[in-house]
PDB file of N, CA and C in Angstrom:
ATOM      1  N   UNK A   1      17.073 138.499  82.618  1.00  0.00           N
ATOM      2  CA  UNK A   1      17.165 137.618  84.558  1.00  0.00           C
ATOM      3  C   UNK A   1      16.721 138.894  85.451  1.00  0.00           C
ATOM      4  N   UNK A   2      15.196 137.844  86.299  1.00  0.00           N
ATOM      5  CA  UNK A   2      14.939 139.147  87.419  1.00  0.00           C
ATOM      6  C   UNK A   2      15.516 138.355  88.736  1.00  0.00           C
ATOM      7  N   UNK A   3      16.269 139.849  89.164  1.00  0.00           N
ATOM      8  CA  UNK A   3      16.265 138.595  90.394  1.00  0.00           C
ATOM      9  C   UNK A   3      16.783 140.316  91.608  1.00  0.00           C
ATOM     10  N   UNK A   4      16.422 139.716  92.774  1.00  0.00           N
ATOM     11  CA  UNK A   4      15.988 140.828  94.026  1.00  0.00           C
ATOM     12  C   UNK A   4      16.732 141.417  93.990  1.00  0.00           C
ATOM     13  N   UNK A   5      18.838 140.831  93.729  1.00  0.00           N
ATOM     14  CA  UNK A   5      20.417 141.327  94.305  1.00  0.00           C
ATOM     15  C   UNK A   5      20.021 142.662  93.285  1.00  0.00           C
ATOM     16  N   UNK A   6      20.538 143.842  94.076  1.00  0.00           N
ATOM     17  CA  UNK A   6      20.839 145.548  93.387  1.00  0.00           C
ATOM     18  C   UNK A   6      21.609 145.358  92.684  1.00  0.00           C
ATOM     19  N   UNK A   7      23.628 144.762  92.946  1.00  0.00           N
ATOM     20  CA  UNK A   7      24.155 144.418  92.694  1.00  0.00           C
ATOM     21  C   UNK A   7      25.153 143.780  91.626  1.00  0.00           C
ATOM     22  N   UNK A   8      25.182 143.928  89.497  1.00  0.00           N
ATOM     23  CA  UNK A   8      24.721 142.927  89.451  1.00  0.00           C
ATOM     24  C   UNK A   8      25.650 143.663  88.885  1.00  0.00           C
ATOM     25  N   UNK A   9      26.614 143.628  87.994  1.00  0.00           N
ATOM     26  CA  UNK A   9      27.455 143.779  87.235  1.00  0.00           C
ATOM     27  C   UNK A   9      28.574 142.674  86.135  1.00  0.00           C
ATOM     28  N   UNK A  10      27.525 142.874  85.156  1.00  0.00           N
ATOM     29  CA  UNK A  10      27.750 142.542  83.674  1.00  0.00           C
ATOM     30  C   UNK A  10      29.259 142.283  83.649  1.00  0.00           C
ATOM     31  N   UNK A  11      29.911 141.488  82.278  1.00  0.00           N
ATOM     32  CA  UNK A  11      31.332 142.117  82.105  1.00  0.00           C
ATOM     33  C   UNK A  11      31.486 139.720  81.389  1.00  0.00           C
ATOM     34  N   UNK A  12      32.477 139.751  81.121  1.00  0.00           N
ATOM     35  CA  UNK A  12      33.433 138.713  79.828  1.00  0.00           C
ATOM     36  C   UNK A  12      34.399 137.505  81.358  1.00  0.00           C
ATOM     37  N   UNK A  13      34.340 136.990  81.339  1.00  0.00           N
ATOM     38  CA  UNK A  13      34.950 135.188  81.952  1.00  0.00           C
ATOM     39  C   UNK A  13      36.394 135.400  81.425  1.00  0.00           C
ATOM     40  N   UNK A  14      36.919 135.534  82.763  1.00  0.00           N
ATOM     41  CA  UNK A  14      38.258 135.780  81.981  1.00  0.00           C
ATOM     42  C   UNK A  14      40.045 134.716  82.141  1.00  0.00           C
ATOM     43  N   UNK A  15      38.936 133.747  83.642  1.00  0.00           N
ATOM     44  CA  UNK A  15      39.759 132.791  83.563  1.00  0.00           C
ATOM     45  C   UNK A  15      38.507 131.462  84.683  1.00  0.00           C
ATOM     46  N   UNK A  16      38.507 129.824  84.180  1.00  0.00           N
ATOM     47  CA  UNK A  16      38.017 129.729  84.975  1.00  0.00           C
ATOM     48  C   UNK A  16      39.712 129.085  85.929  1.00  0.00           C
ATOM     49  N   UNK A  17      39.879 128.270  87.490  1.00  0.00           N
ATOM     50  CA  UNK A  17      40.591 128.280  87.364  1.00  0.00           C
ATOM     51  C   UNK A  17      39.567 126.565  88.237  1.00  0.00           C
ATOM     52  N   UNK A  18      39.810 125.839  87.907  1.00  0.00           N
ATOM     53  CA  UNK A  18      39.672 124.109  87.920  1.00  0.00           C
ATOM     54  C   UNK A  18      39.790 123.681  89.546  1.00  0.00           C
ATOM     55  N   UNK A  19      39.231 123.000  90.348  1.00  0.00           N
ATOM     56  CA  UNK A  19      39.719 122.803  92.243  1.00  0.00           C
ATOM     57  C   UNK A  19      39.103 121.136  91.655  1.00  0.00           C
ATOM     58  N   UNK A  20      39.143 120.535  92.928  1.00  0.00           N
ATOM     59  CA  UNK A  20      38.561 119.681  93.210  1.00  0.00           C
ATOM     60  C   UNK A  20      37.402 119.380  93.583  1.00  0.00           C
ATOM     61  N   UNK A  21      36.382 120.418  93.889  1.00  0.00           N
ATOM     62  CA  UNK A  21      35.115 120.908  94.390  1.00  0.00           C
ATOM     63  C   UNK A  21      34.794 122.005  93.642  1.00  0.00           C
ATOM     64  N   UNK A  22      35.639 122.633  93.836  1.00  0.00           N
ATOM     65  CA  UNK A  22      34.892 124.462  93.542  1.00  0.00           C
ATOM     66  C   UNK A  22      35.943 124.707  91.923  1.00  0.00           C
ATOM     67  N   UNK A  23      35.432 125.880  91.548  1.00  0.00           N
ATOM     68  CA  UNK A  23      36.342 126.150  90.491  1.00  0.00           C
ATOM     69  C   UNK A  23      36.032 127.881  91.050  1.00  0.00           C
ATOM     70  N   UNK A  24      37.213 129.207  90.885  1.00  0.00           N
ATOM     71  CA  UNK A  24      37.793 130.516  90.678  1.00  0.00           C
ATOM     72  C   UNK A  24      37.932 130.857  89.687  1.00  0.00           C
ATOM     73  N   UNK A  25      36.193 131.515  88.687  1.00  0.00           N
ATOM     74  CA  UNK A  25      35.696 132.896  88.141  1.00  0.00           C
ATOM     75  C   UNK A  25      36.323 133.785  88.226  1.00  0.00           C
ATOM     76  N   UNK A  26      37.076 134.550  87.363  1.00  0.00           N
ATOM     77  CA  UNK A  26      37.269 135.446  87.167  1.00  0.00           C
ATOM     78  C   UNK A  26      36.034 136.839  85.810  1.00  0.00           C
ATOM     79  N   UNK A  27      35.755 137.976  86.323  1.00  0.00           N
ATOM     80  CA  UNK A  27      34.969 138.120  85.713  1.00  0.00           C
ATOM     81  C   UNK A  27      35.399 139.424  85.354  1.00  0.00           C
ATOM     82  N   UNK A  28      35.979 140.294  84.318  1.00  0.00           N
ATOM     83  CA  UNK A  28      35.613 141.206  83.657  1.00  0.00           C
ATOM     84  C   UNK A  28      34.908 142.201  83.499  1.00  0.00           C
ATOM     85  N   UNK A  29      35.039 143.530  84.585  1.00  0.00           N
ATOM     86  CA  UNK A  29      33.826 144.160  84.802  1.00  0.00           C
ATOM     87  C   UNK A  29      34.431 146.060  83.727  1.00  0.00           C
ATOM     88  N   UNK A  30      34.773 145.992  83.096  1.00  0.00           N
ATOM     89  CA  UNK A  30      35.597 147.115  82.633  1.00  0.00           C
ATOM     90  C   UNK A  30      36.623 148.187  83.983  1.00  0.00           C
ATOM     91  N   UNK A  31      36.729 148.690  82.967  1.00  0.00           N
ATOM     92  CA  UNK A  31      37.883 149.717  83.436  1.00  0.00           C
ATOM     93  C   UNK A  31      38.787 149.061  84.710  1.00  0.00           C
ATOM     94  N   UNK A  32      39.686 148.167  84.463  1.00  0.00           N
ATOM     95  CA  UNK A  32      40.515 147.294  85.335  1.00  0.00           C
ATOM     96  C   UNK A  32      39.918 146.676  86.625  1.00  0.00           C
ATOM     97  N   UNK A  33      38.704 145.884  86.913  1.00  0.00           N
ATOM     98  CA  UNK A  33      38.395 145.286  87.392  1.00  0.00           C
ATOM     99  C   UNK A  33      37.741 144.119  87.802  1.00  0.00           C
ATOM    100  N   UNK A  34      38.045 143.563  88.083  1.00  0.00           N
ATOM    101  CA  UNK A  34      38.041 142.224  88.014  1.00  0.00           C
ATOM    102  C   UNK A  34      37.236 141.085  89.396  1.00  0.00           C
ATOM    103  N   UNK A  35      35.952 140.809  88.884  1.00  0.00           N
ATOM    104  CA  UNK A  35      35.483 140.299  90.197  1.00  0.00           C
ATOM    105  C   UNK A  35      35.554 138.459  90.124  1.00  0.00           C
ATOM    106  N   UNK A  36      36.066 138.082  91.435  1.00  0.00           N
ATOM    107  CA  UNK A  36      36.340 136.268  91.732  1.00  0.00           C
ATOM    108  C   UNK A  36      35.440 136.298  92.520  1.00  0.00           C
ATOM    109  N   UNK A  37      35.155 135.155  91.793  1.00  0.00           N
ATOM    110  CA  UNK A  37      33.955 134.202  92.464  1.00  0.00           C
ATOM    111  C   UNK A  37      33.947 132.229  92.925  1.00  0.00           C
ATOM    112  N   UNK A  38      33.651 132.074  93.829  1.00  0.00           N
ATOM    113  CA  UNK A  38      33.748 130.718  94.106  1.00  0.00           C
ATOM    114  C   UNK A  38      33.020 130.204  93.336  1.00  0.00           C
ATOM    115  N   UNK A  39      32.867 128.736  93.247  1.00  0.00           N
ATOM    116  CA  UNK A  39      31.310 128.309  92.437  1.00  0.00           C
ATOM    117  C   UNK A  39      31.643 126.976  92.681  1.00  0.00           C
ATOM    118  N   UNK A  40      30.308 126.162  92.569  1.00  0.00           N
ATOM    119  CA  UNK A  40      30.868 124.635  92.673  1.00  0.00           C
ATOM    120  C   UNK A  40      31.137 124.039  90.880  1.00  0.00           C
ATOM    121  N   UNK A  41      32.133 122.624  91.177  1.00  0.00           N
ATOM    122  CA  UNK A  41      32.577 122.556  89.697  1.00  0.00           C
ATOM    123  C   UNK A  41      30.520 122.302  88.721  1.00  0.00           C
ATOM    124  N   UNK A  42      29.686 121.899  89.696  1.00  0.00           N
ATOM    125  CA  UNK A  42      28.243 121.305  88.836  1.00  0.00           C
ATOM    126  C   UNK A  42      28.353 122.596  88.077  1.00  0.00           C
ATOM    127  N   UNK A  43      28.538 123.783  89.052  1.00  0.00           N
ATOM    128  CA  UNK A  43      27.286 124.445  88.496  1.00  0.00           C
ATOM    129  C   UNK A  43      28.557 125.568  87.227  1.00  0.00           C
ATOM    130  N   UNK A  44      29.542 125.120  86.692  1.00  0.00           N
ATOM    131  CA  UNK A  44      29.905 125.516  85.622  1.00  0.00           C
ATOM    132  C   UNK A  44      29.827 124.705  84.882  1.00  0.00           C
ATOM    133  N   UNK A  45      29.770 123.877  84.779  1.00  0.00           N
ATOM    134  CA  UNK A  45      29.310 122.541  84.182  1.00  0.00           C
ATOM    135  C   UNK A  45      27.873 123.006  84.135  1.00  0.00           C
ATOM    136  N   UNK A  46      26.384 123.595  84.741  1.00  0.00           N
ATOM    137  CA  UNK A  46      25.423 123.512  83.913  1.00  0.00           C
ATOM    138  C   UNK A  46      25.042 124.861  83.393  1.00  0.00           C
ATOM    139  N   UNK A  47      26.408 126.140  83.514  1.00  0.00           N
ATOM    140  CA  UNK A  47      25.876 127.338  82.865  1.00  0.00           C
ATOM    141  C   UNK A  47      26.760 127.033  82.142  1.00  0.00           C
ATOM    142  N   UNK A  48      27.389 126.114  81.680  1.00  0.00           N
ATOM    143  CA  UNK A  48      28.166 126.448  80.621  1.00  0.00           C
ATOM    144  C   UNK A  48      29.224 127.708  79.886  1.00  0.00           C
ATOM    145  N   UNK A  49      29.838 127.420  81.863  1.00  0.00           N
ATOM    146  CA  UNK A  49      30.753 128.562  81.184  1.00  0.00           C
ATOM    147  C   UNK A  49      31.778 128.378  81.066  1.00  0.00           C
ATOM    148  N   UNK A  50      32.994 128.907  80.678  1.00  0.00           N
ATOM    149  CA  UNK A  50      33.787 129.089  79.397  1.00  0.00           C
ATOM    150  C   UNK A  50      34.409 130.583  79.396  1.00  0.00           C
ATOM    151  N   UNK A  51      35.730 130.665  79.342  1.00  0.00           N
ATOM    152  CA  UNK A  51      36.664 132.119  78.966  1.00  0.00           C
ATOM    153  C   UNK A  51      35.839 132.210  77.541  1.00  0.00           C
ATOM    154  N   UNK A  52      35.457 133.945  78.042  1.00  0.00           N
ATOM    155  CA  UNK A  52      35.538 134.421  76.879  1.00  0.00           C
ATOM    156  C   UNK A  52      33.328 134.717  76.877  1.00  0.00           C
ATOM    157  N   UNK A  53      33.439 133.814  77.285  1.00  0.00           N
ATOM    158  CA  UNK A  53      31.597 134.407  78.089  1.00  0.00           C
ATOM    159  C   UNK A  53      31.399 135.544  77.670  1.00  0.00           C
ATOM    160  N   UNK A  54      29.757 135.320  78.073  1.00  0.00           N
ATOM    161  CA  UNK A  54      29.561 137.035  79.093  1.00  0.00           C
ATOM    162  C   UNK A  54      28.715 136.246  79.915  1.00  0.00           C
ATOM    163  N   UNK A  55      28.712 137.076  81.676  1.00  0.00           N
ATOM    164  CA  UNK A  55      28.484 136.557  82.566  1.00  0.00           C
ATOM    165  C   UNK A  55      27.705 137.607  83.536  1.00  0.00           C
ATOM    166  N   UNK A  56      27.097 137.746  84.297  1.00  0.00           N
ATOM    167  CA  UNK A  56      26.517 138.981  85.882  1.00  0.00           C
ATOM    168  C   UNK A  56      27.850 138.348  86.833  1.00  0.00           C
ATOM    169  N   UNK A  57      28.050 139.248  87.597  1.00  0.00           N
ATOM    170  CA  UNK A  57      28.882 138.856  88.865  1.00  0.00           C
ATOM    171  C   UNK A  57      27.358 139.725  89.750  1.00  0.00           C
ATOM    172  N   UNK A  58      27.109 138.951  90.240  1.00  0.00           N
ATOM    173  CA  UNK A  58      26.702 139.470  91.204  1.00  0.00           C
ATOM    174  C   UNK A  58      25.622 139.524  92.162  1.00  0.00           C
ATOM    175  N   UNK A  59      26.699 140.448  94.182  1.00  0.00           N
ATOM    176  CA  UNK A  59      26.536 140.146  94.803  1.00  0.00           C
ATOM    177  C   UNK A  59      25.478 140.309  95.659  1.00  0.00           C
ATOM    178  N   UNK A  60      25.018 139.883  96.413  1.00  0.00           N
ATOM    179  CA  UNK A  60      24.288 140.309  97.819  1.00  0.00           C
ATOM    180  C   UNK A  60      24.808 139.831  98.923  1.00  0.00           C
ATOM    181  N   UNK A  61      25.078 140.485  99.645  1.00  0.00           N
ATOM    182  CA  UNK A  61      25.646 140.643 101.424  1.00  0.00           C
ATOM    183  C   UNK A  61      25.133 141.222 101.823  1.00  0.00           C
ATOM    184  N   UNK A  62      24.788 140.887 103.851  1.00  0.00           N
ATOM    185  CA  UNK A  62      24.211 141.289 104.518  1.00  0.00           C
ATOM    186  C   UNK A  62      24.995 142.644 105.057  1.00  0.00           C
ATOM    187  N   UNK A  63      26.207 142.740 104.617  1.00  0.00           N
ATOM    188  CA  UNK A  63      27.463 143.230 105.635  1.00  0.00           C
ATOM    189  C   UNK A  63      28.495 143.586 103.990  1.00  0.00           C
ATOM    190  N   UNK A  64      29.004 144.598 104.811  1.00  0.00           N
ATOM    191  CA  UNK A  64      30.327 144.735 103.313  1.00  0.00           C
ATOM    192  C   UNK A  64      31.086 145.486 103.795  1.00  0.00           C
ATOM    193  N   UNK A  65      32.680 144.865 104.652  1.00  0.00           N
ATOM    194  CA  UNK A  65      34.520 145.319 105.536  1.00  0.00           C
ATOM    195  C   UNK A  65      34.297 145.946 104.782  1.00  0.00           C
ATOM    196  N   UNK A  66      35.120 147.289 105.732  1.00  0.00           N
ATOM    197  CA  UNK A  66      36.679 147.830 104.841  1.00  0.00           C
ATOM    198  C   UNK A  66      37.525 148.016 105.885  1.00  0.00           C
ATOM    199  N   UNK A  67      38.762 147.158 105.257  1.00  0.00           N
ATOM    200  CA  UNK A  67      39.998 147.731 106.181  1.00  0.00           C
ATOM    201  C   UNK A  67      40.972 149.552 105.309  1.00  0.00           C
ATOM    202  N   UNK A  68      41.748 149.273 105.566  1.00  0.00           N
ATOM    203  CA  UNK A  68      42.792 150.314 105.714  1.00  0.00           C
ATOM    204  C   UNK A  68      44.247 149.228 106.382  1.00  0.00           C
ATOM    205  N   UNK A  69      45.702 150.287 105.886  1.00  0.00           N
ATOM    206  CA  UNK A  69      47.003 149.881 106.145  1.00  0.00           C
ATOM    207  C   UNK A  69      46.785 150.887 107.102  1.00  0.00           C
TER     208      UNK A  69
END
């Protein structure tokens, strides 16, 4: 897989919560870190996503927000 996004995190899918149109997919990228992505149900089916399968969380953003309490 060759893509332009530099922020690529390999991990294992630990949860898929199906909604009506979209799904929430959680990927454990190690060290206690979970990345959650919202993807279409069609993408879940096309990519054959399932719990336990290795996958990449790929982040491409034009801005990053930081907040404090």
